[in-house]
Amino acid sequence: MDHYDIVFIGHLGKGTIVPFNGSPFVEEAAPVLSASVAASCLKRRIAVMTKISQGEEYLLAPLKTAGVDLFIYPGRIYRYRVVFPTPNVDQRQHFRENIGEPFAVSDIPPFEPCLVHFCCIGVPESQMELMWALKDRGFRISADIQNFMLKDDGTGAVHLRDVPNKKEIVGMTDFLKLDYSEGKMMTGSDDLQGQADILAQWGNPEIIITSSEGILVRSNGKTAFAGFTNRSSEGRMGRGDTVVGSYLACRLDHSVKDSVQFAAALTSIKMESAGPFKGSLEDVIKRMNRPF
């Protein structure tokens, strides 16, 4: 059986980004790409399960460069368009052109139990089936709540909606990633600490919440926060995925405090240019401004 520190499951993607008062551009990116490349910075054993169509193998290049092991299945990639209507990079309009084809339980390779992070993989029902199947086999489960909350309104535009089975999702995951807007809709609280406290009451041991200011993590009743230090927001797309990938990789053998500071520094560097993280471990340590 193959042994990995973290396995990331999700679709690769390609989308058009429309900046506020800027020219549209095409970005070859996806949650599974941003998260796994960020995690690889610490030289962990990282694997990705994804789907891709013939002729789109070039999308795998950043993963191969990062040394990520790949488990590839034939299928559609995710295509999207994101519009930023104001200078506030946290205000964006998301449009789906198509979603990736769902993964089946039978797709899962013979991994030894490890930590598995579910990126946004398109079909919430199939994701729940996979999550329970792996949990029953002894895997630790991490998930991004966004996949359960984004709903198509019939025009291709997607909007955040509350999740009927949110307490089941929160309670069965070992790590839960969300952002401020998602947390507010789920819990009714407009305060990061309040959101984390409520989610912990629902049974989640480690909650990772991002906002424009930084990252808040609640673990075992204690909270840690680290602010972002990016000098620009050209690479805003993929912020949350970069946070969770770098945080989980560091958290394997470091404290919550060290891990959240590491994730904030790495993600700050990533946000200064489009695409996945392209820096080095030395760059991250320098940004943290202290020995690691």
C-alpha atoms as a PDB file:
ATOM      1  CA  MET A   1       0.000   0.000   0.000  1.00  0.00           C
ATOM      2  CA  ASP A   2       1.179   3.530  -0.752  1.00  0.00           C
ATOM      3  CA  HIS A   3       2.015   5.749   2.224  1.00  0.00           C
ATOM      4  CA  TYR A   4       1.493   9.516   2.112  1.00  0.00           C
ATOM      5  CA  ASP A   5       1.387  12.291   4.677  1.00  0.00           C
ATOM      6  CA  ILE A   6      -1.530  14.038   2.938  1.00  0.00           C
ATOM      7  CA  VAL A   7      -3.705  13.115  -0.036  1.00  0.00           C
ATOM      8  CA  PHE A   8      -5.611  15.922  -1.776  1.00  0.00           C
ATOM      9  CA  ILE A   9      -8.723  15.049  -3.787  1.00  0.00           C
ATOM     10  CA  GLY A  10     -10.192  17.470  -6.317  1.00  0.00           C
ATOM     11  CA  HIS A  11     -10.488  18.584  -9.913  1.00  0.00           C
ATOM     12  CA  LEU A  12      -8.074  20.659 -11.913  1.00  0.00           C
ATOM     13  CA  GLY A  13      -9.560  23.740 -13.503  1.00  0.00           C
ATOM     14  CA  LYS A  14      -9.276  26.567 -15.966  1.00  0.00           C
ATOM     15  CA  GLY A  15     -11.077  29.875 -15.715  1.00  0.00           C
ATOM     16  CA  THR A  16     -11.392  33.463 -16.810  1.00  0.00           C
ATOM     17  CA  ILE A  17     -10.656  36.074 -14.143  1.00  0.00           C
ATOM     18  CA  VAL A  18     -12.147  39.555 -14.576  1.00  0.00           C
ATOM     19  CA  PRO A  19     -10.406  42.001 -12.209  1.00  0.00           C
ATOM     20  CA  PHE A  20     -11.989  45.272 -11.115  1.00  0.00           C
ATOM     21  CA  ASN A  21     -11.044  47.870 -13.742  1.00  0.00           C
ATOM     22  CA  GLY A  22      -8.618  45.368 -15.279  1.00  0.00           C
ATOM     23  CA  SER A  23      -8.304  43.206 -18.362  1.00  0.00           C
ATOM     24  CA  PRO A  24      -9.673  39.652 -18.173  1.00  0.00           C
ATOM     25  CA  PHE A  25      -7.115  36.867 -18.169  1.00  0.00           C
ATOM     26  CA  VAL A  26      -7.176  33.064 -18.200  1.00  0.00           C
ATOM     27  CA  GLU A  27      -5.892  31.259 -15.128  1.00  0.00           C
ATOM     28  CA  GLU A  28      -5.023  27.565 -15.015  1.00  0.00           C
ATOM     29  CA  ALA A  29      -5.756  26.908 -11.390  1.00  0.00           C
ATOM     30  CA  ALA A  30      -7.908  24.927  -8.999  1.00  0.00           C
ATOM     31  CA  PRO A  31      -8.213  24.308  -5.254  1.00  0.00           C
ATOM     32  CA  VAL A  32      -6.413  20.952  -5.494  1.00  0.00           C
ATOM     33  CA  LEU A  33      -3.501  22.602  -7.316  1.00  0.00           C
ATOM     34  CA  SER A  34      -3.085  25.508  -4.889  1.00  0.00           C
ATOM     35  CA  ALA A  35      -3.429  23.324  -1.793  1.00  0.00           C
ATOM     36  CA  SER A  36      -1.094  20.506  -2.820  1.00  0.00           C
ATOM     37  CA  VAL A  37       1.652  22.779  -4.168  1.00  0.00           C
ATOM     38  CA  ALA A  38       1.574  24.773  -0.926  1.00  0.00           C
ATOM     39  CA  ALA A  39       1.803  21.566   1.118  1.00  0.00           C
ATOM     40  CA  SER A  40       4.793  20.365  -0.906  1.00  0.00           C
ATOM     41  CA  CYS A  41       6.900  23.282   0.343  1.00  0.00           C
ATOM     42  CA  LEU A  42       7.700  21.299   3.500  1.00  0.00           C
ATOM     43  CA  LYS A  43       8.824  18.216   1.534  1.00  0.00           C
ATOM     44  CA  ARG A  44       6.024  16.006   2.796  1.00  0.00           C
ATOM     45  CA  ARG A  45       4.868  12.947   0.891  1.00  0.00           C
ATOM     46  CA  ILE A  46       1.956  14.476  -1.003  1.00  0.00           C
ATOM     47  CA  ALA A  47      -0.416  12.815  -3.469  1.00  0.00           C
ATOM     48  CA  VAL A  48      -3.259  14.183  -5.589  1.00  0.00           C
ATOM     49  CA  MET A  49      -6.293  12.332  -6.943  1.00  0.00           C
ATOM     50  CA  THR A  50      -7.750  14.226  -9.890  1.00  0.00           C
ATOM     51  CA  LYS A  51      -9.414  13.904 -13.297  1.00  0.00           C
ATOM     52  CA  ILE A  52      -8.313  15.262 -16.628  1.00  0.00           C
ATOM     53  CA  SER A  53      -9.286  15.009 -20.289  1.00  0.00           C
ATOM     54  CA  GLN A  54      -7.002  14.025 -23.149  1.00  0.00           C
ATOM     55  CA  GLY A  55      -5.007  17.008 -24.357  1.00  0.00           C
ATOM     56  CA  GLU A  56      -5.051  18.788 -20.987  1.00  0.00           C
ATOM     57  CA  GLU A  57      -2.088  16.993 -19.457  1.00  0.00           C
ATOM     58  CA  TYR A  58      -0.142  20.286 -19.462  1.00  0.00           C
ATOM     59  CA  LEU A  59      -2.229  21.327 -16.428  1.00  0.00           C
ATOM     60  CA  LEU A  60      -0.317  18.740 -14.394  1.00  0.00           C
ATOM     61  CA  ALA A  61       3.042  20.496 -14.868  1.00  0.00           C
ATOM     62  CA  PRO A  62       3.052  22.522 -11.596  1.00  0.00           C
ATOM     63  CA  LEU A  63       2.192  19.394  -9.614  1.00  0.00           C
ATOM     64  CA  LYS A  64       4.987  17.410 -11.223  1.00  0.00           C
ATOM     65  CA  THR A  65       7.443  20.260 -10.622  1.00  0.00           C
ATOM     66  CA  ALA A  66       6.444  20.293  -6.949  1.00  0.00           C
ATOM     67  CA  GLY A  67       7.128  16.554  -6.642  1.00  0.00           C
ATOM     68  CA  VAL A  68       3.509  15.599  -5.999  1.00  0.00           C
ATOM     69  CA  ASP A  69       2.538  11.994  -6.786  1.00  0.00           C
ATOM     70  CA  LEU A  70      -0.418  11.857  -9.171  1.00  0.00           C
ATOM     71  CA  PHE A  71      -3.347   9.465  -9.412  1.00  0.00           C
ATOM     72  CA  ILE A  72      -5.119  10.492 -12.629  1.00  0.00           C
ATOM     73  CA  TYR A  73      -8.514   9.420 -13.915  1.00  0.00           C
ATOM     74  CA  PRO A  74     -10.181  10.367 -17.208  1.00  0.00           C
ATOM     75  CA  GLY A  75     -12.841  13.061 -16.887  1.00  0.00           C
ATOM     76  CA  ARG A  76     -13.773  16.715 -17.261  1.00  0.00           C
ATOM     77  CA  ILE A  77     -11.861  19.479 -15.555  1.00  0.00           C
ATOM     78  CA  TYR A  78     -13.654  22.333 -13.790  1.00  0.00           C
ATOM     79  CA  ARG A  79     -14.277  25.478 -15.896  1.00  0.00           C
ATOM     80  CA  TYR A  80     -15.337  28.768 -14.377  1.00  0.00           C
ATOM     81  CA  ARG A  81     -15.410  32.574 -14.553  1.00  0.00           C
ATOM     82  CA  VAL A  82     -14.814  34.896 -11.611  1.00  0.00           C
ATOM     83  CA  VAL A  83     -15.669  38.603 -11.677  1.00  0.00           C
ATOM     84  CA  PHE A  84     -14.415  41.128  -9.112  1.00  0.00           C
ATOM     85  CA  PRO A  85     -16.996  43.961  -9.277  1.00  0.00           C
ATOM     86  CA  THR A  86     -15.308  46.217  -6.694  1.00  0.00           C
ATOM     87  CA  PRO A  87     -11.762  46.929  -5.462  1.00  0.00           C
ATOM     88  CA  ASN A  88     -12.485  44.644  -2.483  1.00  0.00           C
ATOM     89  CA  VAL A  89     -10.942  41.311  -3.490  1.00  0.00           C
ATOM     90  CA  ASP A  90     -13.218  39.462  -1.064  1.00  0.00           C
ATOM     91  CA  GLN A  91     -16.252  40.491  -3.128  1.00  0.00           C
ATOM     92  CA  ARG A  92     -16.459  38.269  -6.189  1.00  0.00           C
ATOM     93  CA  GLN A  93     -19.066  36.773  -8.490  1.00  0.00           C
ATOM     94  CA  HIS A  94     -18.498  33.140  -9.427  1.00  0.00           C
ATOM     95  CA  PHE A  95     -19.899  31.455 -12.539  1.00  0.00           C
ATOM     96  CA  ARG A  96     -19.646  27.742 -13.355  1.00  0.00           C
ATOM     97  CA  GLU A  97     -19.267  26.707 -16.960  1.00  0.00           C
ATOM     98  CA  ASN A  98     -19.096  23.060 -15.959  1.00  0.00           C
ATOM     99  CA  ILE A  99     -18.195  20.972 -12.926  1.00  0.00           C
ATOM    100  CA  GLY A 100     -15.821  18.055 -12.817  1.00  0.00           C
ATOM    101  CA  GLU A 101     -17.141  14.528 -12.980  1.00  0.00           C
ATOM    102  CA  PRO A 102     -17.610  12.929  -9.544  1.00  0.00           C
ATOM    103  CA  PHE A 103     -15.175  10.490  -8.012  1.00  0.00           C
ATOM    104  CA  ALA A 104     -16.375   7.042  -6.982  1.00  0.00           C
ATOM    105  CA  VAL A 105     -15.349   5.085  -3.901  1.00  0.00           C
ATOM    106  CA  SER A 106     -13.856   2.515  -6.286  1.00  0.00           C
ATOM    107  CA  ASP A 107     -11.464   5.217  -7.584  1.00  0.00           C
ATOM    108  CA  ILE A 108      -9.611   5.372  -4.272  1.00  0.00           C
ATOM    109  CA  PRO A 109      -6.164   3.720  -4.593  1.00  0.00           C
ATOM    110  CA  PRO A 110      -4.888   1.389  -1.850  1.00  0.00           C
ATOM    111  CA  PHE A 111      -3.497   4.157   0.377  1.00  0.00           C
ATOM    112  CA  GLU A 112      -2.460   3.523   3.944  1.00  0.00           C
ATOM    113  CA  PRO A 113      -4.703   5.564   6.270  1.00  0.00           C
ATOM    114  CA  CYS A 114      -3.477   9.161   6.418  1.00  0.00           C
ATOM    115  CA  LEU A 115      -4.854  12.702   6.310  1.00  0.00           C
ATOM    116  CA  VAL A 116      -7.076  13.370   3.272  1.00  0.00           C
ATOM    117  CA  HIS A 117      -8.203  16.858   2.303  1.00  0.00           C
ATOM    118  CA  PHE A 118     -11.246  17.236   0.087  1.00  0.00           C
ATOM    119  CA  CYS A 119     -10.992  20.297  -2.111  1.00  0.00           C
ATOM    120  CA  CYS A 120     -14.084  21.555  -3.931  1.00  0.00           C
ATOM    121  CA  ILE A 121     -14.919  18.472  -6.006  1.00  0.00           C
ATOM    122  CA  GLY A 122     -18.258  19.477  -7.504  1.00  0.00           C
ATOM    123  CA  VAL A 123     -20.924  17.042  -6.352  1.00  0.00           C
ATOM    124  CA  PRO A 124     -21.598  17.251  -2.576  1.00  0.00           C
ATOM    125  CA  GLU A 125     -23.429  13.925  -2.422  1.00  0.00           C
ATOM    126  CA  SER A 126     -20.512  12.001  -3.904  1.00  0.00           C
ATOM    127  CA  GLN A 127     -18.098  13.861  -1.637  1.00  0.00           C
ATOM    128  CA  MET A 128     -20.035  12.800   1.466  1.00  0.00           C
ATOM    129  CA  GLU A 129     -19.958   9.178   0.290  1.00  0.00           C
ATOM    130  CA  LEU A 130     -16.185   9.363  -0.199  1.00  0.00           C
ATOM    131  CA  MET A 131     -15.624  11.086   3.131  1.00  0.00           C
ATOM    132  CA  TRP A 132     -17.549   8.453   5.072  1.00  0.00           C
ATOM    133  CA  ALA A 133     -15.906   5.604   3.142  1.00  0.00           C
ATOM    134  CA  LEU A 134     -12.416   6.877   4.001  1.00  0.00           C
ATOM    135  CA  LYS A 135     -13.306   7.712   7.590  1.00  0.00           C
ATOM    136  CA  ASP A 136     -14.559   4.146   8.047  1.00  0.00           C
ATOM    137  CA  ARG A 137     -11.156   2.940   6.835  1.00  0.00           C
ATOM    138  CA  GLY A 138      -9.297   4.957   9.464  1.00  0.00           C
ATOM    139  CA  PHE A 139      -8.364   8.073   7.462  1.00  0.00           C
ATOM    140  CA  ARG A 140      -8.399  11.532   9.036  1.00  0.00           C
ATOM    141  CA  ILE A 141     -10.693  13.843   7.080  1.00  0.00           C
ATOM    142  CA  SER A 142     -10.231  17.510   6.180  1.00  0.00           C
ATOM    143  CA  ALA A 143     -12.737  19.368   4.029  1.00  0.00           C
ATOM    144  CA  ASP A 144     -13.462  22.785   2.559  1.00  0.00           C
ATOM    145  CA  ILE A 145     -17.075  23.644   3.395  1.00  0.00           C
ATOM    146  CA  GLN A 146     -17.375  25.790   0.245  1.00  0.00           C
ATOM    147  CA  ASN A 147     -18.170  22.791  -1.938  1.00  0.00           C
ATOM    148  CA  PHE A 148     -21.321  22.155   0.082  1.00  0.00           C
ATOM    149  CA  MET A 149     -22.400  25.808   0.120  1.00  0.00           C
ATOM    150  CA  LEU A 150     -22.018  26.967  -3.498  1.00  0.00           C
ATOM    151  CA  LYS A 151     -25.309  26.512  -5.350  1.00  0.00           C
ATOM    152  CA  ASP A 152     -26.063  27.192  -9.023  1.00  0.00           C
ATOM    153  CA  ASP A 153     -29.053  29.505  -9.535  1.00  0.00           C
ATOM    154  CA  GLY A 154     -29.805  28.033 -12.966  1.00  0.00           C
ATOM    155  CA  THR A 155     -27.974  30.719 -14.941  1.00  0.00           C
ATOM    156  CA  GLY A 156     -24.452  29.476 -14.188  1.00  0.00           C
ATOM    157  CA  ALA A 157     -23.988  31.977 -11.368  1.00  0.00           C
ATOM    158  CA  VAL A 158     -23.273  30.372  -8.012  1.00  0.00           C
ATOM    159  CA  HIS A 159     -24.179  31.746  -4.593  1.00  0.00           C
ATOM    160  CA  LEU A 160     -23.553  30.757  -1.010  1.00  0.00           C
ATOM    161  CA  ARG A 161     -26.419  28.870   0.593  1.00  0.00           C
ATOM    162  CA  ASP A 162     -26.691  27.317   4.039  1.00  0.00           C
ATOM    163  CA  VAL A 163     -26.281  23.546   4.261  1.00  0.00           C
ATOM    164  CA  PRO A 164     -29.050  21.376   5.756  1.00  0.00           C
ATOM    165  CA  ASN A 165     -26.604  18.683   6.954  1.00  0.00           C
ATOM    166  CA  LYS A 166     -23.924  21.130   8.109  1.00  0.00           C
ATOM    167  CA  LYS A 167     -23.706  19.666  11.610  1.00  0.00           C
ATOM    168  CA  GLU A 168     -23.026  16.218  10.160  1.00  0.00           C
ATOM    169  CA  ILE A 169     -20.214  17.626   8.000  1.00  0.00           C
ATOM    170  CA  VAL A 170     -18.732  19.684  10.819  1.00  0.00           C
ATOM    171  CA  GLY A 171     -18.898  16.804  13.293  1.00  0.00           C
ATOM    172  CA  MET A 172     -17.373  14.111  11.084  1.00  0.00           C
ATOM    173  CA  THR A 173     -14.321  16.079   9.876  1.00  0.00           C
ATOM    174  CA  ASP A 174     -11.014  16.356  11.740  1.00  0.00           C
ATOM    175  CA  PHE A 175     -10.183  19.684  10.085  1.00  0.00           C
ATOM    176  CA  LEU A 176     -12.700  22.123   8.601  1.00  0.00           C
ATOM    177  CA  LYS A 177     -11.735  24.978   6.278  1.00  0.00           C
ATOM    178  CA  LEU A 178     -14.066  27.918   5.636  1.00  0.00           C
ATOM    179  CA  ASP A 179     -13.956  31.674   5.148  1.00  0.00           C
ATOM    180  CA  TYR A 180     -15.644  34.514   7.009  1.00  0.00           C
ATOM    181  CA  SER A 181     -18.689  34.722   4.713  1.00  0.00           C
ATOM    182  CA  GLU A 182     -19.291  30.982   4.872  1.00  0.00           C
ATOM    183  CA  GLY A 183     -18.925  30.989   8.633  1.00  0.00           C
ATOM    184  CA  LYS A 184     -21.389  33.851   9.000  1.00  0.00           C
ATOM    185  CA  MET A 185     -24.005  32.051   6.913  1.00  0.00           C
ATOM    186  CA  MET A 186     -23.511  28.752   8.737  1.00  0.00           C
ATOM    187  CA  THR A 187     -23.497  30.077  12.290  1.00  0.00           C
ATOM    188  CA  GLY A 188     -25.193  33.484  12.193  1.00  0.00           C
ATOM    189  CA  SER A 189     -22.174  35.036  13.910  1.00  0.00           C
ATOM    190  CA  ASP A 190     -20.349  37.961  12.299  1.00  0.00           C
ATOM    191  CA  ASP A 191     -17.269  37.426  14.473  1.00  0.00           C
ATOM    192  CA  LEU A 192     -14.489  34.966  13.602  1.00  0.00           C
ATOM    193  CA  GLN A 193     -14.081  33.814  17.196  1.00  0.00           C
ATOM    194  CA  GLY A 194     -17.834  33.405  17.575  1.00  0.00           C
ATOM    195  CA  GLN A 195     -18.017  31.342  14.387  1.00  0.00           C
ATOM    196  CA  ALA A 196     -15.190  29.083  15.541  1.00  0.00           C
ATOM    197  CA  ASP A 197     -16.764  28.597  18.968  1.00  0.00           C
ATOM    198  CA  ILE A 198     -20.105  27.543  17.471  1.00  0.00           C
ATOM    199  CA  LEU A 199     -18.500  25.130  15.018  1.00  0.00           C
ATOM    200  CA  ALA A 200     -16.497  23.591  17.852  1.00  0.00           C
ATOM    201  CA  GLN A 201     -19.725  23.045  19.772  1.00  0.00           C
ATOM    202  CA  TRP A 202     -20.967  21.057  16.763  1.00  0.00           C
ATOM    203  CA  GLY A 203     -18.097  18.630  17.274  1.00  0.00           C
ATOM    204  CA  ASN A 204     -15.180  19.766  15.099  1.00  0.00           C
ATOM    205  CA  PRO A 205     -11.763  19.605  16.809  1.00  0.00           C
ATOM    206  CA  GLU A 206      -9.794  21.982  14.514  1.00  0.00           C
ATOM    207  CA  ILE A 207     -11.378  24.834  12.559  1.00  0.00           C
ATOM    208  CA  ILE A 208      -9.514  27.024  10.027  1.00  0.00           C
ATOM    209  CA  ILE A 209     -11.230  30.296   9.079  1.00  0.00           C
ATOM    210  CA  THR A 210      -9.787  32.770   6.593  1.00  0.00           C
ATOM    211  CA  SER A 211     -10.629  36.431   6.104  1.00  0.00           C
ATOM    212  CA  SER A 212      -9.073  39.370   4.289  1.00  0.00           C
ATOM    213  CA  GLU A 213      -7.036  40.086   7.426  1.00  0.00           C
ATOM    214  CA  GLY A 214      -5.613  36.640   8.057  1.00  0.00           C
ATOM    215  CA  ILE A 215      -6.243  33.166   9.496  1.00  0.00           C
ATOM    216  CA  LEU A 216      -7.961  32.140  12.714  1.00  0.00           C
ATOM    217  CA  VAL A 217      -7.622  28.563  13.973  1.00  0.00           C
ATOM    218  CA  ARG A 218      -9.472  27.054  16.912  1.00  0.00           C
ATOM    219  CA  SER A 219      -8.120  23.794  18.304  1.00  0.00           C
ATOM    220  CA  ASN A 220      -8.820  22.096  21.632  1.00  0.00           C
ATOM    221  CA  GLY A 221     -10.506  25.172  23.043  1.00  0.00           C
ATOM    222  CA  LYS A 222      -7.673  27.565  22.174  1.00  0.00           C
ATOM    223  CA  THR A 223      -7.449  30.094  19.365  1.00  0.00           C
ATOM    224  CA  ALA A 224      -4.507  31.326  17.290  1.00  0.00           C
ATOM    225  CA  PHE A 225      -4.511  34.111  14.690  1.00  0.00           C
ATOM    226  CA  ALA A 226      -1.935  35.247  12.145  1.00  0.00           C
ATOM    227  CA  GLY A 227      -2.335  38.185   9.780  1.00  0.00           C
ATOM    228  CA  PHE A 228      -1.514  38.331   6.095  1.00  0.00           C
ATOM    229  CA  THR A 229       1.385  40.547   4.989  1.00  0.00           C
ATOM    230  CA  ASN A 230       0.952  40.542   1.193  1.00  0.00           C
ATOM    231  CA  ARG A 231       1.945  43.720  -0.603  1.00  0.00           C
ATOM    232  CA  SER A 232      -0.543  43.156  -3.440  1.00  0.00           C
ATOM    233  CA  SER A 233      -3.510  40.913  -4.200  1.00  0.00           C
ATOM    234  CA  GLU A 234      -2.795  39.902  -7.791  1.00  0.00           C
ATOM    235  CA  GLY A 235      -2.884  36.264  -6.689  1.00  0.00           C
ATOM    236  CA  ARG A 236      -6.030  36.453  -4.516  1.00  0.00           C
ATOM    237  CA  MET A 237      -7.550  33.412  -6.285  1.00  0.00           C
ATOM    238  CA  GLY A 238      -6.519  30.294  -4.361  1.00  0.00           C
ATOM    239  CA  ARG A 239      -5.941  32.093  -1.052  1.00  0.00           C
ATOM    240  CA  GLY A 240      -7.976  29.720   1.107  1.00  0.00           C
ATOM    241  CA  ASP A 241      -6.664  26.591  -0.613  1.00  0.00           C
ATOM    242  CA  THR A 242      -3.084  27.747  -0.140  1.00  0.00           C
ATOM    243  CA  VAL A 243      -3.831  28.387   3.528  1.00  0.00           C
ATOM    244  CA  VAL A 244      -5.234  24.928   4.161  1.00  0.00           C
ATOM    245  CA  GLY A 245      -2.510  23.100   2.212  1.00  0.00           C
ATOM    246  CA  SER A 246       0.340  24.870   3.985  1.00  0.00           C
ATOM    247  CA  TYR A 247      -1.372  24.691   7.384  1.00  0.00           C
ATOM    248  CA  LEU A 248      -2.067  20.958   7.229  1.00  0.00           C
ATOM    249  CA  ALA A 249       1.472  20.175   6.065  1.00  0.00           C
ATOM    250  CA  CYS A 250       3.009  22.161   8.908  1.00  0.00           C
ATOM    251  CA  ARG A 251       0.507  20.924  11.478  1.00  0.00           C
ATOM    252  CA  LEU A 252       1.655  17.314  11.003  1.00  0.00           C
ATOM    253  CA  ASP A 253       4.514  17.966  13.431  1.00  0.00           C
ATOM    254  CA  HIS A 254       4.185  21.563  14.653  1.00  0.00           C
ATOM    255  CA  SER A 255       1.951  23.464  17.051  1.00  0.00           C
ATOM    256  CA  VAL A 256      -1.181  25.335  16.011  1.00  0.00           C
ATOM    257  CA  LYS A 257       0.594  28.651  16.617  1.00  0.00           C
ATOM    258  CA  ASP A 258       3.593  27.759  14.452  1.00  0.00           C
ATOM    259  CA  SER A 259       1.371  26.283  11.741  1.00  0.00           C
ATOM    260  CA  VAL A 260      -0.952  29.265  11.430  1.00  0.00           C
ATOM    261  CA  GLN A 261       2.005  31.650  11.268  1.00  0.00           C
ATOM    262  CA  PHE A 262       3.647  29.495   8.609  1.00  0.00           C
ATOM    263  CA  ALA A 263       0.434  29.339   6.549  1.00  0.00           C
ATOM    264  CA  ALA A 264      -0.108  33.103   6.784  1.00  0.00           C
ATOM    265  CA  ALA A 265       3.433  33.839   5.624  1.00  0.00           C
ATOM    266  CA  LEU A 266       3.365  31.365   2.725  1.00  0.00           C
ATOM    267  CA  THR A 267      -0.078  32.519   1.580  1.00  0.00           C
ATOM    268  CA  SER A 268       0.962  36.172   1.764  1.00  0.00           C
ATOM    269  CA  ILE A 269       3.780  35.441  -0.674  1.00  0.00           C
ATOM    270  CA  LYS A 270       1.433  33.478  -2.950  1.00  0.00           C
ATOM    271  CA  MET A 271      -1.088  36.350  -3.091  1.00  0.00           C
ATOM    272  CA  GLU A 272       1.518  38.654  -4.599  1.00  0.00           C
ATOM    273  CA  SER A 273       1.435  36.782  -7.935  1.00  0.00           C
ATOM    274  CA  ALA A 274      -1.137  34.746  -9.852  1.00  0.00           C
ATOM    275  CA  GLY A 275      -1.068  30.969  -9.787  1.00  0.00           C
ATOM    276  CA  PRO A 276       0.051  28.535  -7.073  1.00  0.00           C
ATOM    277  CA  PHE A 277       2.852  29.276  -4.589  1.00  0.00           C
ATOM    278  CA  LYS A 278       6.196  29.657  -6.371  1.00  0.00           C
ATOM    279  CA  GLY A 279       8.506  30.530  -3.507  1.00  0.00           C
ATOM    280  CA  SER A 280      10.790  28.477  -1.296  1.00  0.00           C
ATOM    281  CA  LEU A 281      10.827  27.398   2.321  1.00  0.00           C
ATOM    282  CA  GLU A 282      13.530  30.001   2.911  1.00  0.00           C
ATOM    283  CA  ASP A 283      11.224  32.710   1.533  1.00  0.00           C
ATOM    284  CA  VAL A 284       8.498  31.673   3.962  1.00  0.00           C
ATOM    285  CA  ILE A 285      10.835  31.634   6.968  1.00  0.00           C
ATOM    286  CA  LYS A 286      12.103  35.085   6.017  1.00  0.00           C
ATOM    287  CA  ARG A 287       8.536  36.374   5.766  1.00  0.00           C
ATOM    288  CA  MET A 288       7.787  34.950   9.200  1.00  0.00           C
ATOM    289  CA  ASN A 289      10.716  37.061  10.408  1.00  0.00           C
ATOM    290  CA  ARG A 290      11.876  34.531  12.972  1.00  0.00           C
ATOM    291  CA  PRO A 291      13.576  31.089  13.065  1.00  0.00           C
ATOM    292  CA  PHE A 292      11.284  28.220  12.225  1.00  0.00           C
END
